[in-house]
Amino acid sequence: MRIALLEDDPVDLLLLTAVLSRTPAQGEVPMTCIAFSEDAALRRAIVEEPFDLLIFDPVSSGDDGLALLTWLRGVLESKIPVIVLSARGAARDVANALEAGADDYVLKPFRPIEMRARVQRFREPADAVRG
């Protein structure tokens, strides 16, 4: 499973990568994380190569944190699953992300075992969800 990560906090990025890239337990799909620290680089990569999942912090993607999600769903018409990972836990923030097309919303600080379980829900190969 190829996962694109957009996170501008190096500590959060390191923890997320370590949690998701560890040796899979029985029944889990192996995960490869490709990290991005800026929105533009992630957008270029998504257009050029398949990913099975996108996890991003809206704060990392610029002024309008959900613009990336709007672009992904609207312009690209991509069905790639998206998990929003954010420190913002207000009901309106969660609702806005889900309404924009997010498949899941996880609050920071995330719990490693829960994050792995949420990610494992999206096991389809990239070709099945791309486009």
Foldseek 3Di string as FASTA:
>chain_A
DEEEEEDQDPVLVVVVQCLQQPDDDPPFDHYDYDYDQEQVVVVVDVVVDFGQEYEYELVSHDDGSCVSLLCCCPVQVFQRAYEYEYQDDDPVVQVVNVVSPHPYYAYPPGDSVVVSVVVRVRPDDRVVGTD
